[in-house]
Structure formats: C-alpha cells, structure tokens
Protein backbone atom coordinates (compact mmCIF):
# COMPACT_ATOMS: atom_id res chain seq x y z
CA UNK A 1 211.91 164.64 195.47
CA UNK A 2 210.01 161.82 197.30
CA UNK A 3 206.99 163.58 197.02
CA UNK A 4 207.22 164.22 193.39
CA UNK A 5 208.40 160.57 192.81
CA UNK A 6 205.23 159.55 194.75
CA UNK A 7 203.03 161.58 192.73
CA UNK A 8 204.42 160.42 189.31
CA UNK A 9 204.04 156.85 190.36
CA UNK A 10 200.39 157.37 191.10
CA UNK A 11 199.75 159.30 188.04
CA UNK A 12 201.64 156.44 185.96
CA UNK A 13 199.55 153.69 187.86
CA UNK A 14 195.94 155.68 187.24
CA UNK A 15 197.09 155.98 183.45
CA UNK A 16 197.92 152.10 183.14
CA UNK A 17 194.37 151.20 184.51
CA UNK A 18 192.80 153.60 182.09
CA UNK A 19 194.67 152.29 179.30
CA UNK A 20 195.05 148.80 179.86
CA UNK A 21 191.38 147.90 179.20
CA UNK A 22 191.40 149.65 175.87
CA UNK A 23 194.72 147.91 174.96
CA UNK A 24 193.02 144.60 175.84
CA UNK A 25 189.95 145.33 173.83
CA UNK A 26 192.38 146.15 170.69
CA UNK A 27 194.55 143.00 170.99
CA UNK A 28 191.41 140.48 171.60
CA UNK A 29 190.12 142.34 168.37
CA UNK A 30 193.16 141.03 166.41
CA UNK A 31 193.10 137.63 167.53
CA UNK A 32 192.05 134.52 165.96
CA UNK A 33 189.00 133.02 167.03
CA UNK A 34 190.62 129.39 167.83
CA UNK A 35 193.40 131.13 169.92
CA UNK A 36 190.89 133.04 171.82
CA UNK A 37 188.65 129.96 172.55
CA UNK A 38 192.06 128.08 173.42
CA UNK A 39 193.35 130.73 175.76
CA UNK A 40 189.91 131.69 177.16
CA UNK A 41 190.76 135.41 176.31
CA UNK A 42 193.61 135.18 178.71
CA UNK A 43 196.59 136.50 176.99
CA UNK A 44 198.42 139.72 176.37
CA UNK A 45 199.46 139.44 172.83
CA UNK A 46 198.15 137.23 170.33
CA UNK A 47 200.62 134.67 168.80
CA UNK A 48 199.03 135.57 165.41
CA UNK A 49 197.58 138.94 164.53
CA UNK A 50 194.56 138.87 162.03
CA UNK A 51 192.13 140.97 160.74
CA UNK A 52 189.51 138.44 159.95
CA UNK A 53 187.08 139.87 163.17
CA UNK A 54 187.10 143.09 161.26
CA UNK A 55 186.47 141.36 157.94
CA UNK A 56 183.60 139.44 159.23
CA UNK A 57 182.20 142.67 161.44
CA UNK A 58 182.46 145.00 158.33
CA UNK A 59 180.90 142.18 155.86
CA UNK A 60 177.67 142.36 157.81
CA UNK A 61 175.02 144.90 156.14
CA UNK A 62 173.71 145.89 159.86
CA UNK A 63 177.16 147.19 160.89
CA UNK A 64 177.93 148.87 157.79
CA UNK A 65 174.35 150.72 157.55
CA UNK A 66 174.95 151.95 161.34
CA UNK A 67 178.59 152.95 160.59
CA UNK A 68 177.01 154.99 157.65
CA UNK A 69 174.07 156.45 159.84
CA UNK A 70 176.81 157.98 162.47
CA UNK A 71 179.33 159.08 159.61
CA UNK A 72 176.14 161.14 158.24
CA UNK A 73 175.30 162.37 161.59
CA UNK A 74 178.98 163.43 162.38
CA UNK A 75 179.61 165.22 158.98
CA UNK A 76 176.15 166.79 158.24
CA UNK A 77 175.19 167.44 161.73
CA UNK A 78 178.53 169.12 162.51
CA UNK A 79 178.51 171.41 159.71
CA UNK A 80 174.90 172.45 159.92
CA UNK A 81 175.60 173.30 163.75
CA UNK A 82 178.56 175.13 162.85
CA UNK A 83 176.70 177.14 160.48
CA UNK A 84 173.51 177.78 162.79
CA UNK A 85 176.04 178.56 165.91
CA UNK A 86 178.42 180.64 164.12
CA UNK A 87 176.01 182.54 162.22
CA UNK A 88 173.38 182.99 165.07
CA UNK A 89 176.52 184.11 167.67
CA UNK A 90 177.46 186.72 165.05
CA UNK A 91 174.42 188.19 164.72
CA UNK A 92 173.91 188.32 168.51
CA UNK A 93 177.17 190.32 168.75
CA UNK A 94 176.30 193.11 166.40
CA UNK A 95 174.34 195.70 168.74
CA UNK A 96 172.06 197.03 165.68
CA UNK A 97 170.26 193.66 165.67
CA UNK A 98 166.83 194.32 166.36
CA UNK A 99 165.44 192.37 169.29
CA UNK A 100 168.98 191.46 170.32
CA UNK A 101 168.43 191.32 173.96
CA UNK A 102 165.21 189.28 174.09
CA UNK A 103 167.37 186.68 171.93
CA UNK A 104 169.96 186.90 174.44
CA UNK A 105 167.66 186.20 177.13
CA UNK A 106 165.83 183.46 175.30
CA UNK A 107 169.42 181.82 174.64
CA UNK A 108 169.94 182.12 178.62
CA UNK A 109 166.94 180.65 179.50
CA UNK A 110 167.65 177.55 177.33
CA UNK A 111 170.64 177.45 179.17
CA UNK A 112 169.24 177.32 182.62
CA UNK A 113 166.02 175.39 182.32
CA UNK A 114 165.98 171.99 180.70
CA UNK A 115 162.72 171.06 179.19
CA UNK A 116 163.31 167.32 180.13
CA UNK A 117 162.37 164.29 177.79
CA UNK A 118 158.77 164.78 176.73
CA UNK A 119 158.40 168.22 175.32
CA UNK A 120 161.41 167.43 172.95
CA UNK A 121 159.72 164.23 171.96
CA UNK A 122 156.45 166.03 171.20
CA UNK A 123 157.96 168.45 169.05
CA UNK A 124 159.73 166.04 167.21
CA UNK A 125 156.50 163.98 166.96
CA UNK A 126 154.67 167.11 165.38
CA UNK A 127 157.04 167.68 163.12
CA UNK A 128 157.03 164.32 161.58
CA UNK A 129 160.36 163.38 162.22
CA UNK A 130 160.02 160.18 164.13
CA UNK A 131 161.98 157.66 162.59
CA UNK A 132 163.94 159.91 160.52
CA UNK A 133 167.53 160.47 161.01
CA UNK A 134 166.92 164.10 161.07
CA UNK A 135 165.40 163.80 164.13
CA UNK A 136 168.88 163.50 165.64
CA UNK A 137 170.00 166.88 163.86
CA UNK A 138 167.64 169.41 163.88
CA UNK A 139 166.77 169.50 167.79
CA UNK A 140 170.49 169.41 168.46
CA UNK A 141 171.81 171.89 165.94
CA UNK A 142 173.05 174.39 168.24
CA UNK A 143 173.91 174.92 172.09
CA UNK A 144 173.22 178.03 174.04
CA UNK A 145 176.35 177.71 175.90
CA UNK A 146 178.31 177.56 172.59
CA UNK A 147 176.42 180.43 171.25
CA UNK A 148 177.62 182.79 174.11
CA UNK A 149 181.21 181.48 173.93
CA UNK A 150 181.45 182.44 170.14
CA UNK A 151 179.45 185.54 170.76
CA UNK A 152 182.39 186.70 173.27
CA UNK A 153 184.85 186.12 170.49
CA UNK A 154 183.03 187.91 168.04
CA UNK A 155 182.60 190.90 170.40
CA UNK A 156 186.56 190.89 170.50
CA UNK A 157 186.84 191.48 166.50
CA UNK A 158 187.42 195.41 166.00
CA UNK A 159 184.65 196.86 164.19
CA UNK A 160 186.92 198.63 161.61
CA UNK A 161 187.24 195.35 159.96
CA UNK A 162 183.45 195.67 159.09
CA UNK A 163 183.34 199.35 158.34
CA UNK A 164 186.05 198.95 155.75
CA UNK A 165 184.34 195.70 154.35
CA UNK A 166 181.12 197.76 154.01
CA UNK A 167 182.79 200.72 152.35
CA UNK A 168 184.29 198.25 149.75
CA UNK A 169 180.52 196.99 149.15
CA UNK A 170 180.16 193.70 151.27
CA UNK A 171 176.74 193.28 152.62
CA UNK A 172 176.28 191.36 156.16
CA UNK A 173 176.52 188.02 154.91
CA UNK A 174 179.70 188.86 152.56
CA UNK A 175 181.13 190.08 155.87
CA UNK A 176 180.46 187.01 157.71
CA UNK A 177 181.38 184.63 155.00
CA UNK A 178 184.78 186.61 153.47
CA UNK A 179 186.14 188.15 156.87
CA UNK A 180 184.56 186.59 160.30
CA UNK A 181 184.44 183.13 159.23
CA UNK A 182 188.28 183.10 158.43
CA UNK A 183 189.03 184.80 161.55
CA UNK A 184 187.18 182.31 163.67
CA UNK A 185 188.77 179.02 162.23
CA UNK A 186 190.16 178.02 166.10
CA UNK A 187 186.93 178.53 167.68
CA UNK A 188 185.30 176.61 164.38
CA UNK A 189 187.43 173.75 164.93
CA UNK A 190 187.15 173.46 168.45
CA UNK A 191 183.46 173.42 168.59
CA UNK A 192 183.44 171.37 165.40
CA UNK A 193 185.19 168.52 167.46
CA UNK A 194 182.82 168.81 170.19
CA UNK A 195 179.64 168.61 168.04
CA UNK A 196 181.39 165.64 166.16
CA UNK A 197 182.00 163.85 169.22
CA UNK A 198 178.28 164.41 170.24
CA UNK A 199 176.61 163.40 166.76
CA UNK A 200 178.85 160.21 166.51
CA UNK A 201 178.24 159.09 170.18
CA UNK A 202 174.59 159.92 169.98
CA UNK A 203 172.72 157.30 171.79
CA UNK A 204 169.71 158.34 174.05
CA UNK A 205 168.02 160.52 171.33
CA UNK A 206 168.20 157.72 168.83
CA UNK A 207 166.40 155.30 171.33
CA UNK A 208 163.85 157.82 171.56
CA UNK A 209 163.24 158.90 168.20
CA UNK A 210 164.37 156.00 165.85
CA UNK A 211 162.40 152.77 165.81
CA UNK A 212 163.68 151.31 162.59
CA UNK A 213 166.64 148.86 162.92
CA UNK A 214 168.11 150.07 159.44
CA UNK A 215 168.38 153.87 160.88
CA UNK A 216 170.24 153.13 164.04
CA UNK A 217 173.44 154.89 164.43
CA UNK A 218 176.32 152.84 165.32
CA UNK A 219 176.28 153.60 169.05
CA UNK A 220 172.81 151.97 169.69
CA UNK A 221 173.88 148.76 167.44
CA UNK A 222 176.74 148.43 169.55
CA UNK A 223 174.85 148.69 172.70
CA UNK A 224 172.76 145.73 171.23
CA UNK A 225 175.68 143.91 170.45
CA UNK A 226 177.37 144.46 174.01
CA UNK A 227 174.36 144.44 176.33
CA UNK A 228 170.90 143.85 175.06
CA UNK A 229 169.44 140.82 173.76
CA UNK A 230 165.80 141.63 173.58
CA UNK A 231 165.50 144.52 171.26
CA UNK A 232 163.96 144.24 168.07
CA UNK A 233 167.10 143.78 166.39
CA UNK A 234 167.95 140.60 168.61
CA UNK A 235 171.41 139.88 169.90
CA UNK A 236 173.52 140.95 166.93
CA UNK A 237 176.69 139.37 168.14
CA UNK A 238 175.21 135.93 168.94
CA UNK A 239 173.46 136.19 165.06
CA UNK A 240 176.81 137.25 163.32
CA UNK A 241 178.97 134.85 165.49
CA UNK A 242 176.66 131.88 164.79
CA UNK A 243 176.65 132.84 160.91
CA UNK A 244 180.52 133.07 160.77
CA UNK A 245 181.06 130.40 163.21
CA UNK A 246 183.00 133.00 165.53
CA UNK A 247 183.20 133.62 169.32
CA UNK A 248 181.19 136.73 169.52
CA UNK A 249 183.48 138.33 171.95
CA UNK A 250 185.78 138.81 169.28
CA UNK A 251 183.32 140.65 167.22
CA UNK A 252 182.31 142.89 170.40
CA UNK A 253 186.06 143.65 170.54
CA UNK A 254 186.23 144.62 167.05
CA UNK A 255 183.05 146.62 167.10
CA UNK A 256 184.13 148.60 169.94
CA UNK A 257 187.58 149.55 168.02
CA UNK A 258 185.69 150.54 164.94
CA UNK A 259 183.32 152.69 167.03
CA UNK A 260 186.02 154.49 169.03
CA UNK A 261 189.05 154.90 166.47
CA UNK A 262 187.43 157.52 163.97
CA UNK A 263 186.89 160.25 166.71
CA UNK A 264 190.72 159.38 168.00
CA UNK A 265 191.89 160.00 164.44
CA UNK A 266 190.12 163.46 164.34
CA UNK A 267 191.79 164.94 167.05
CA UNK A 268 195.48 165.21 165.54
CA UNK A 269 194.09 167.26 162.70
CA UNK A 270 192.49 169.70 164.74
CA UNK A 271 194.98 169.93 167.65
CA UNK A 272 196.83 173.07 166.62
CA UNK A 273 193.30 174.89 166.33
CA UNK A 274 192.01 173.20 169.49
CA UNK A 275 194.17 174.99 172.30
CA UNK A 276 193.22 178.41 170.88
CA UNK A 277 189.77 177.59 170.24
CA UNK A 278 189.14 176.33 173.96
CA UNK A 279 190.11 179.66 175.15
CA UNK A 280 187.35 181.56 172.96
CA UNK A 281 185.66 184.26 175.11
CA UNK A 282 187.83 183.63 178.06
CA UNK A 283 190.14 186.61 177.58
CA UNK A 284 188.85 190.07 176.51
CA UNK A 285 191.37 192.83 175.43
C-alpha cells in the first residue's frame, strides 16, 4: 500500500512538472500586457482574460503566411505520404511483383544507413527545389520503417478477397482503392497522425532548403521569435511588439499556443483508430 502511494505521488509530481510550464504559457498568452508588465509575469491566473495577444499576432502577415505554409505541409504532405506509403507497401506485399526482393532490400538499406545532410541537399538542389515548399514534402514522402509496418499488415489480408474482386472484374488499382484501403483505415489513421506531426513540426529541413522569409513554416518563424534575433527576418517578436506597443513575451506565449494547439486537437478525432493502428504488423495469425 505504501509502495503504491509513493509511486502514485511520484507520477503525479512528474506530471505536474510536465504540464505546469505549458499551463503557464497558456495563462500568460491570455493576460493583458499591462498586467504582465506590472506583475513582471509572476502570477498564476490573470485578473482579466483577453484575446488581444492572439488578435495582434494573427493580424501580422508574416505569422499568417507561416501558419498557412505549415497547414499546407501538414495536409498536402500527409495525404501524399499516405498515398505513396500505402501503395508501395501493398505492392511489396504481393509476391507476384517483379523485382520484389530487390525493392525490399533497397527499403531495408534506407532504414539501416543514413545518408546524412549533404547528399539530400545536393539532390534537392539538382531538382531545382531550393526555396520551394515542395522541398519539404517530396524528400520526406515516405519512410522505410512505415513501409515495412504497412506491408506486414497487408500480408495478413486474405488472398481470397483479391481473387474474388478479380473475378468480379476489378484490376489491381481497383482492388487497392475499393478493398484494401477501406480495410487499412486504422493503420492509415495512425501513420497519418505521425506524418502530420512530422510535417507540422518540420524545422531542420526548412532551414536547409528555404531561404525565402515568406516561405518559412511556422516552426522556423517561431524559433526566430523566441530565440534568434540575427536571421534575415530579424527579431520578429521585438518588431511586432514595438509596432503594437506590447511586451514581446505575451506575443511569444501566444505564438507557442497557436503552434501547438492544432496538432493537439487532431488526436481526439483519430484516437479510436490509433490503438489498432499502432499494432499494425505486430501480430500475425
């Protein structure tokens, strides 16, 4: 009994340590600039809740553009990645595919060996995608590990379903679209969540490939606001704060919330599929 109580207390303490900083960020983002200045940020709850920080933040063209870029990456990139990953994995699961073993070996090599930074950069540059939003999507369209997981799922689908569809006149694409994809919705939901988070949080590749300030995703702009004051965009928080006569800290907190909340809101909609999807390929009958 004492042991259970101790473990529970430790877990609660760790949970509070984890969540309190984020709660403080949310609270400060809803505080009025005058209260933040008067109390020097030392308060638990603001005396007056306001949306003025979000209004000022979302009224700036740079932040809205960055949010639109991240939304484009998360939506378009996720859909394309799911299409490529699921179709490639389904093809590899069919034993009649020519060159199947060679393709499987190439996928395995992509998992075991990391090319580093320079080769992908040279490929992106040779394709003329520097300073293009597509440089953040096309090189990251799929993952060898996700392909193997989805292949294991497709291996478990009875061959009789495909044979029955073939007898009814379906070709390979029709079988994949009408039969295989509906059966793989749990795995698509799980991998779609992984891809969406990855695209939404893209940072390092954006620094490598994107030089145009107007094409920055939200995470790069946020980093510029929070830390770096020497990039081509300048210290955005100072700039916005000076224009709006507001303390830059409240704008920073609001920016962090705006960049975090969209992904958090996605989880409840995919939760019913997530538990089944993460088990893809782990159990074979």
